[in-house]
PDB file of N, CA and C in Angstrom:
ATOM      1  N   MET A   1    -141.418-118.891 -99.350  1.00  0.00           N
ATOM      2  CA  MET A   1    -140.637-118.370 -99.500  1.00  0.00           C
ATOM      3  C   MET A   1    -140.975-118.360-101.484  1.00  0.00           C
ATOM      4  N   LEU A   2    -140.842-117.630-101.974  1.00  0.00           N
ATOM      5  CA  LEU A   2    -140.532-117.444-103.709  1.00  0.00           C
ATOM      6  C   LEU A   2    -139.890-118.068-104.696  1.00  0.00           C
ATOM      7  N   VAL A   3    -139.710-118.181-105.605  1.00  0.00           N
ATOM      8  CA  VAL A   3    -138.287-118.969-106.139  1.00  0.00           C
ATOM      9  C   VAL A   3    -138.449-118.894-107.305  1.00  0.00           C
ATOM     10  N   LEU A   4    -137.402-117.959-108.035  1.00  0.00           N
ATOM     11  CA  LEU A   4    -137.256-117.286-109.260  1.00  0.00           C
ATOM     12  C   LEU A   4    -136.044-117.829-110.143  1.00  0.00           C
ATOM     13  N   THR A   5    -136.142-117.794-111.300  1.00  0.00           N
ATOM     14  CA  THR A   5    -135.168-118.269-112.041  1.00  0.00           C
ATOM     15  C   THR A   5    -135.373-117.067-113.203  1.00  0.00           C
ATOM     16  N   ARG A   6    -133.992-116.301-112.822  1.00  0.00           N
ATOM     17  CA  ARG A   6    -133.435-115.111-113.932  1.00  0.00           C
ATOM     18  C   ARG A   6    -131.572-115.577-114.462  1.00  0.00           C
ATOM     19  N   LYS A   7    -131.912-115.288-115.403  1.00  0.00           N
ATOM     20  CA  LYS A   7    -130.715-115.029-116.041  1.00  0.00           C
ATOM     21  C   LYS A   7    -129.722-113.694-115.895  1.00  0.00           C
ATOM     22  N   GLY A   8    -128.366-113.688-116.565  1.00  0.00           N
ATOM     23  CA  GLY A   8    -127.165-112.749-116.531  1.00  0.00           C
ATOM     24  C   GLY A   8    -128.442-111.635-117.218  1.00  0.00           C
ATOM     25  N   ASN A   9    -128.331-110.159-116.547  1.00  0.00           N
ATOM     26  CA  ASN A   9    -128.662-109.037-116.831  1.00  0.00           C
ATOM     27  C   ASN A   9    -130.532-109.154-116.944  1.00  0.00           C
ATOM     28  N   GLN A  10    -130.870-109.987-115.903  1.00  0.00           N
ATOM     29  CA  GLN A  10    -132.382-109.957-115.390  1.00  0.00           C
ATOM     30  C   GLN A  10    -131.825-109.220-114.016  1.00  0.00           C
ATOM     31  N   SER A  11    -133.647-108.881-113.891  1.00  0.00           N
ATOM     32  CA  SER A  11    -133.391-108.488-112.600  1.00  0.00           C
ATOM     33  C   SER A  11    -135.319-108.942-112.095  1.00  0.00           C
ATOM     34  N   ILE A  12    -135.124-108.242-110.427  1.00  0.00           N
ATOM     35  CA  ILE A  12    -136.432-108.784-109.868  1.00  0.00           C
ATOM     36  C   ILE A  12    -136.554-107.561-109.191  1.00  0.00           C
ATOM     37  N   MET A  13    -137.552-107.166-109.164  1.00  0.00           N
ATOM     38  CA  MET A  13    -138.325-106.139-108.331  1.00  0.00           C
ATOM     39  C   MET A  13    -138.841-106.470-106.839  1.00  0.00           C
ATOM     40  N   ILE A  14    -138.678-105.551-106.050  1.00  0.00           N
ATOM     41  CA  ILE A  14    -139.179-106.011-104.739  1.00  0.00           C
ATOM     42  C   ILE A  14    -139.953-104.739-104.120  1.00  0.00           C
ATOM     43  N   GLY A  15    -140.726-104.354-104.069  1.00  0.00           N
ATOM     44  CA  GLY A  15    -142.217-103.445-103.819  1.00  0.00           C
ATOM     45  C   GLY A  15    -141.645-102.192-105.301  1.00  0.00           C
ATOM     46  N   ASP A  16    -141.733-100.961-104.866  1.00  0.00           N
ATOM     47  CA  ASP A  16    -141.671-100.073-106.301  1.00  0.00           C
ATOM     48  C   ASP A  16    -140.190 -99.533-106.180  1.00  0.00           C
ATOM     49  N   GLU A  17    -139.517 -99.838-104.576  1.00  0.00           N
ATOM     50  CA  GLU A  17    -138.159 -99.009-104.701  1.00  0.00           C
ATOM     51  C   GLU A  17    -136.910 -99.907-104.545  1.00  0.00           C
ATOM     52  N   ILE A  18    -136.728-101.408-104.747  1.00  0.00           N
ATOM     53  CA  ILE A  18    -135.415-102.123-104.614  1.00  0.00           C
ATOM     54  C   ILE A  18    -135.301-102.830-106.109  1.00  0.00           C
ATOM     55  N   GLU A  19    -134.736-102.952-106.546  1.00  0.00           N
ATOM     56  CA  GLU A  19    -134.072-104.308-107.939  1.00  0.00           C
ATOM     57  C   GLU A  19    -132.589-104.893-107.788  1.00  0.00           C
ATOM     58  N   VAL A  20    -133.250-106.227-107.750  1.00  0.00           N
ATOM     59  CA  VAL A  20    -132.257-107.111-107.824  1.00  0.00           C
ATOM     60  C   VAL A  20    -132.027-107.717-109.126  1.00  0.00           C
ATOM     61  N   SER A  21    -130.195-107.404-109.271  1.00  0.00           N
ATOM     62  CA  SER A  21    -129.942-107.771-110.731  1.00  0.00           C
ATOM     63  C   SER A  21    -128.986-108.871-110.590  1.00  0.00           C
ATOM     64  N   VAL A  22    -129.237-109.672-111.739  1.00  0.00           N
ATOM     65  CA  VAL A  22    -128.075-110.883-111.525  1.00  0.00           C
ATOM     66  C   VAL A  22    -127.188-109.842-112.769  1.00  0.00           C
ATOM     67  N   LEU A  23    -126.075-109.794-112.177  1.00  0.00           N
ATOM     68  CA  LEU A  23    -124.870-109.808-112.810  1.00  0.00           C
ATOM     69  C   LEU A  23    -123.876-110.179-113.608  1.00  0.00           C
ATOM     70  N   ALA A  24    -123.281-111.490-113.011  1.00  0.00           N
ATOM     71  CA  ALA A  24    -123.041-112.276-113.555  1.00  0.00           C
ATOM     72  C   ALA A  24    -122.868-113.573-112.924  1.00  0.00           C
ATOM     73  N   ILE A  25    -123.016-114.656-114.013  1.00  0.00           N
ATOM     74  CA  ILE A  25    -122.706-116.078-112.988  1.00  0.00           C
ATOM     75  C   ILE A  25    -121.645-116.769-113.461  1.00  0.00           C
ATOM     76  N   MET A  26    -120.835-117.288-112.354  1.00  0.00           N
ATOM     77  CA  MET A  26    -119.371-118.054-112.375  1.00  0.00           C
ATOM     78  C   MET A  26    -119.441-118.847-112.064  1.00  0.00           C
ATOM     79  N   GLY A  27    -119.910-120.179-113.110  1.00  0.00           N
ATOM     80  CA  GLY A  27    -119.753-121.107-112.057  1.00  0.00           C
ATOM     81  C   GLY A  27    -121.037-121.575-110.973  1.00  0.00           C
ATOM     82  N   GLU A  28    -120.287-121.512-109.856  1.00  0.00           N
ATOM     83  CA  GLU A  28    -121.406-122.051-108.717  1.00  0.00           C
ATOM     84  C   GLU A  28    -121.690-120.736-108.291  1.00  0.00           C
ATOM     85  N   LYS A  29    -120.942-119.510-108.639  1.00  0.00           N
ATOM     86  CA  LYS A  29    -121.238-118.156-108.027  1.00  0.00           C
ATOM     87  C   LYS A  29    -122.541-117.525-108.874  1.00  0.00           C
ATOM     88  N   VAL A  30    -122.934-116.397-108.513  1.00  0.00           N
ATOM     89  CA  VAL A  30    -123.484-115.177-108.709  1.00  0.00           C
ATOM     90  C   VAL A  30    -123.563-114.106-108.476  1.00  0.00           C
ATOM     91  N   ARG A  31    -122.923-113.524-108.702  1.00  0.00           N
ATOM     92  CA  ARG A  31    -123.048-111.814-108.135  1.00  0.00           C
ATOM     93  C   ARG A  31    -124.347-111.068-108.619  1.00  0.00           C
ATOM     94  N   ILE A  32    -124.731-110.604-107.702  1.00  0.00           N
ATOM     95  CA  ILE A  32    -126.089-109.774-107.928  1.00  0.00           C
ATOM     96  C   ILE A  32    -125.707-108.555-107.338  1.00  0.00           C
ATOM     97  N   GLY A  33    -126.175-107.550-107.787  1.00  0.00           N
ATOM     98  CA  GLY A  33    -126.474-106.244-107.317  1.00  0.00           C
ATOM     99  C   GLY A  33    -127.590-105.959-107.168  1.00  0.00           C
ATOM    100  N   ILE A  34    -127.811-105.081-105.658  1.00  0.00           N
ATOM    101  CA  ILE A  34    -129.045-104.500-105.898  1.00  0.00           C
ATOM    102  C   ILE A  34    -129.338-103.010-105.114  1.00  0.00           C
ATOM    103  N   ASP A  35    -130.351-102.406-105.836  1.00  0.00           N
ATOM    104  CA  ASP A  35    -130.671-101.165-105.813  1.00  0.00           C
ATOM    105  C   ASP A  35    -131.612-100.577-105.038  1.00  0.00           C
ATOM    106  N   ALA A  36    -131.235-100.016-103.744  1.00  0.00           N
ATOM    107  CA  ALA A  36    -132.203 -99.849-102.973  1.00  0.00           C
ATOM    108  C   ALA A  36    -132.094 -98.237-102.173  1.00  0.00           C
ATOM    109  N   PRO A  37    -133.115 -97.887-101.919  1.00  0.00           N
ATOM    110  CA  PRO A  37    -132.933 -96.577-101.601  1.00  0.00           C
ATOM    111  C   PRO A  37    -131.946 -96.623 -99.839  1.00  0.00           C
ATOM    112  N   ARG A  38    -131.384 -95.447 -99.659  1.00  0.00           N
ATOM    113  CA  ARG A  38    -129.889 -95.196 -98.578  1.00  0.00           C
ATOM    114  C   ARG A  38    -130.591 -96.063 -97.183  1.00  0.00           C
ATOM    115  N   ASP A  39    -132.081 -95.365 -96.943  1.00  0.00           N
ATOM    116  CA  ASP A  39    -132.720 -95.850 -95.928  1.00  0.00           C
ATOM    117  C   ASP A  39    -133.046 -97.155 -95.913  1.00  0.00           C
ATOM    118  N   VAL A  40    -133.172 -98.045 -96.623  1.00  0.00           N
ATOM    119  CA  VAL A  40    -132.979 -99.612 -96.433  1.00  0.00           C
ATOM    120  C   VAL A  40    -131.489-100.134 -96.172  1.00  0.00           C
ATOM    121  N   PRO A  41    -131.676-100.843 -95.153  1.00  0.00           N
ATOM    122  CA  PRO A  41    -130.032-101.200 -94.885  1.00  0.00           C
ATOM    123  C   PRO A  41    -130.173-102.590 -95.483  1.00  0.00           C
ATOM    124  N   VAL A  42    -129.125-102.734 -96.367  1.00  0.00           N
ATOM    125  CA  VAL A  42    -128.894-103.963 -97.082  1.00  0.00           C
ATOM    126  C   VAL A  42    -127.665-104.904 -96.478  1.00  0.00           C
ATOM    127  N   PHE A  43    -127.613-105.653 -96.249  1.00  0.00           N
ATOM    128  CA  PHE A  43    -126.442-106.923 -95.267  1.00  0.00           C
ATOM    129  C   PHE A  43    -126.286-108.206 -96.073  1.00  0.00           C
ATOM    130  N   ARG A  44    -124.840-108.570 -95.727  1.00  0.00           N
ATOM    131  CA  ARG A  44    -124.956-109.933 -96.409  1.00  0.00           C
ATOM    132  C   ARG A  44    -125.578-110.737 -95.151  1.00  0.00           C
ATOM    133  N   LYS A  45    -126.048-111.693 -95.063  1.00  0.00           N
ATOM    134  CA  LYS A  45    -127.102-112.450 -93.970  1.00  0.00           C
ATOM    135  C   LYS A  45    -126.120-112.673 -92.701  1.00  0.00           C
ATOM    136  N   GLU A  46    -124.419-113.195 -93.131  1.00  0.00           N
ATOM    137  CA  GLU A  46    -123.516-113.090 -91.779  1.00  0.00           C
ATOM    138  C   GLU A  46    -123.555-112.089 -90.970  1.00  0.00           C
ATOM    139  N   VAL A  47    -123.367-111.041 -91.931  1.00  0.00           N
ATOM    140  CA  VAL A  47    -123.291-109.522 -91.445  1.00  0.00           C
ATOM    141  C   VAL A  47    -124.357-109.143 -90.654  1.00  0.00           C
ATOM    142  N   TYR A  48    -125.655-109.657 -91.226  1.00  0.00           N
ATOM    143  CA  TYR A  48    -126.595-108.954 -90.211  1.00  0.00           C
ATOM    144  C   TYR A  48    -126.637-109.737 -89.019  1.00  0.00           C
ATOM    145  N   LEU A  49    -126.557-111.167 -88.801  1.00  0.00           N
ATOM    146  CA  LEU A  49    -126.440-112.265 -87.878  1.00  0.00           C
ATOM    147  C   LEU A  49    -125.554-111.460 -87.094  1.00  0.00           C
ATOM    148  N   GLU A  50    -124.286-110.844 -87.181  1.00  0.00           N
ATOM    149  CA  GLU A  50    -123.520-110.217 -86.262  1.00  0.00           C
ATOM    150  C   GLU A  50    -124.128-108.977 -85.249  1.00  0.00           C
ATOM    151  N   ILE A  51    -124.508-108.369 -86.442  1.00  0.00           N
ATOM    152  CA  ILE A  51    -125.168-107.599 -86.040  1.00  0.00           C
ATOM    153  C   ILE A  51    -126.449-107.779 -84.953  1.00  0.00           C
ATOM    154  N   GLN A  52    -127.380-108.961 -85.219  1.00  0.00           N
ATOM    155  CA  GLN A  52    -128.366-108.578 -84.504  1.00  0.00           C
ATOM    156  C   GLN A  52    -127.747-109.446 -83.201  1.00  0.00           C
ATOM    157  N   GLN A  53    -126.504-110.093 -83.024  1.00  0.00           N
ATOM    158  CA  GLN A  53    -126.205-110.922 -82.135  1.00  0.00           C
ATOM    159  C   GLN A  53    -125.485-109.717 -80.853  1.00  0.00           C
ATOM    160  N   ALA A  54    -124.493-108.883 -81.650  1.00  0.00           N
ATOM    161  CA  ALA A  54    -124.348-107.600 -81.165  1.00  0.00           C
ATOM    162  C   ALA A  54    -125.477-106.737 -80.319  1.00  0.00           C
ATOM    163  N   ARG A  55    -126.646-106.514 -81.211  1.00  0.00           N
ATOM    164  CA  ARG A  55    -127.992-105.671 -80.699  1.00  0.00           C
ATOM    165  C   ARG A  55    -128.455-106.675 -79.634  1.00  0.00           C
ATOM    166  N   GLU A  56    -128.311-107.860 -79.270  1.00  0.00           N
ATOM    167  CA  GLU A  56    -128.551-108.488 -78.026  1.00  0.00           C
ATOM    168  C   GLU A  56    -128.072-108.287 -77.111  1.00  0.00           C
ATOM    169  N   GLY A  57    -126.412-108.716 -77.027  1.00  0.00           N
ATOM    170  CA  GLY A  57    -125.707-108.298 -75.990  1.00  0.00           C
ATOM    171  C   GLY A  57    -125.674-106.901 -75.333  1.00  0.00           C
ATOM    172  N   THR A  58    -125.807-105.896 -76.172  1.00  0.00           N
ATOM    173  CA  THR A  58    -125.604-104.388 -75.987  1.00  0.00           C
ATOM    174  C   THR A  58    -127.703-103.899 -75.323  1.00  0.00           C
ATOM    175  N   ASP A  59    -128.245-104.630 -75.755  1.00  0.00           N
ATOM    176  CA  ASP A  59    -129.542-104.537 -75.127  1.00  0.00           C
ATOM    177  C   ASP A  59    -129.879-104.664 -73.957  1.00  0.00           C
ATOM    178  N   LYS A  60    -128.950-105.967 -73.463  1.00  0.00           N
ATOM    179  CA  LYS A  60    -128.872-106.329 -71.751  1.00  0.00           C
ATOM    180  C   LYS A  60    -127.704-105.344 -71.199  1.00  0.00           C
ATOM    181  N   SER A  61    -126.654-105.059 -71.799  1.00  0.00           N
ATOM    182  CA  SER A  61    -126.335-103.620 -71.019  1.00  0.00           C
ATOM    183  C   SER A  61    -126.328-102.618 -71.288  1.00  0.00           C
ATOM    184  N   GLY A  62    -127.760-101.977 -72.178  1.00  0.00           N
ATOM    185  CA  GLY A  62    -128.111-100.363 -72.189  1.00  0.00           C
ATOM    186  C   GLY A  62    -126.701 -99.963 -73.265  1.00  0.00           C
ATOM    187  N   GLU A  63    -126.169-100.662 -74.122  1.00  0.00           N
ATOM    188  CA  GLU A  63    -125.001 -99.500 -75.187  1.00  0.00           C
ATOM    189  C   GLU A  63    -125.683 -99.665 -76.549  1.00  0.00           C
ATOM    190  N   ASP A  64    -127.131 -99.649 -76.246  1.00  0.00           N
ATOM    191  CA  ASP A  64    -127.260 -99.543 -77.785  1.00  0.00           C
ATOM    192  C   ASP A  64    -126.633 -98.542 -79.041  1.00  0.00           C
ATOM    193  N   GLY A  65    -126.678 -97.099 -78.699  1.00  0.00           N
ATOM    194  CA  GLY A  65    -125.939 -96.543 -79.193  1.00  0.00           C
ATOM    195  C   GLY A  65    -124.288 -96.698 -79.638  1.00  0.00           C
ATOM    196  N   GLU A  66    -123.872 -97.637 -79.478  1.00  0.00           N
ATOM    197  CA  GLU A  66    -123.192 -98.690 -80.305  1.00  0.00           C
ATOM    198  C   GLU A  66    -123.360 -99.100 -81.668  1.00  0.00           C
ATOM    199  N   VAL A  67    -123.935-100.148 -81.676  1.00  0.00           N
ATOM    200  CA  VAL A  67    -124.613-100.851 -82.038  1.00  0.00           C
ATOM    201  C   VAL A  67    -125.407-100.193 -83.343  1.00  0.00           C
ATOM    202  N   ASP A  68    -126.236 -99.095 -83.376  1.00  0.00           N
ATOM    203  CA  ASP A  68    -126.449 -97.667 -83.911  1.00  0.00           C
ATOM    204  C   ASP A  68    -125.472 -97.257 -84.655  1.00  0.00           C
ATOM    205  N   ASP A  69    -124.465 -96.502 -84.200  1.00  0.00           N
ATOM    206  CA  ASP A  69    -123.304 -96.717 -84.718  1.00  0.00           C
ATOM    207  C   ASP A  69    -122.676 -96.852 -85.304  1.00  0.00           C
ATOM    208  N   GLU A  70    -122.325 -98.662 -85.594  1.00  0.00           N
ATOM    209  CA  GLU A  70    -121.646 -99.286 -86.024  1.00  0.00           C
ATOM    210  C   GLU A  70    -122.704 -99.276 -87.703  1.00  0.00           C
ATOM    211  N   LEU A  71    -124.074 -99.988 -87.208  1.00  0.00           N
ATOM    212  CA  LEU A  71    -124.709 -99.742 -88.274  1.00  0.00           C
ATOM    213  C   LEU A  71    -124.456 -98.475 -89.201  1.00  0.00           C
ATOM    214  N   ASP A  72    -124.637 -97.438 -88.791  1.00  0.00           N
ATOM    215  CA  ASP A  72    -124.411 -96.620 -89.598  1.00  0.00           C
ATOM    216  C   ASP A  72    -123.027 -96.266 -90.118  1.00  0.00           C
ATOM    217  N   ARG A  73    -122.620 -96.778 -89.387  1.00  0.00           N
ATOM    218  CA  ARG A  73    -120.448 -96.744 -90.143  1.00  0.00           C
ATOM    219  C   ARG A  73    -121.068 -98.126 -91.073  1.00  0.00           C
ATOM    220  N   LEU A  74    -121.546 -98.966 -91.565  1.00  0.00           N
ATOM    221  CA  LEU A  74    -121.514 -99.895 -92.737  1.00  0.00           C
ATOM    222  C   LEU A  74    -122.438 -99.437 -93.235  1.00  0.00           C
ATOM    223  N   LYS A  75    -123.525 -98.735 -93.154  1.00  0.00           N
ATOM    224  CA  LYS A  75    -124.475 -98.222 -94.653  1.00  0.00           C
ATOM    225  C   LYS A  75    -123.700 -97.016 -95.566  1.00  0.00           C
ATOM    226  N   ALA A  76    -122.692 -96.527 -94.255  1.00  0.00           N
ATOM    227  CA  ALA A  76    -121.995 -95.686 -95.260  1.00  0.00           C
ATOM    228  C   ALA A  76    -120.852 -95.724 -96.527  1.00  0.00           C
TER     229      ALA A  76
END
């Protein structure tokens, strides 16, 4: 894991297309902004894990289309 220190209004780049910016620091909370291409899904980790669990459940039942539909809905 790479650990970086950033101040407000500073950014990091992931590859050539993804920029993560520190927008505000409020006590123990940090507000970040992520600028990424529309085809790159960006989720909070807890949402990502729910999607993965749903995908594992549908893989067994053969309903992959529902998870893909939900991912498309969340991206929009």
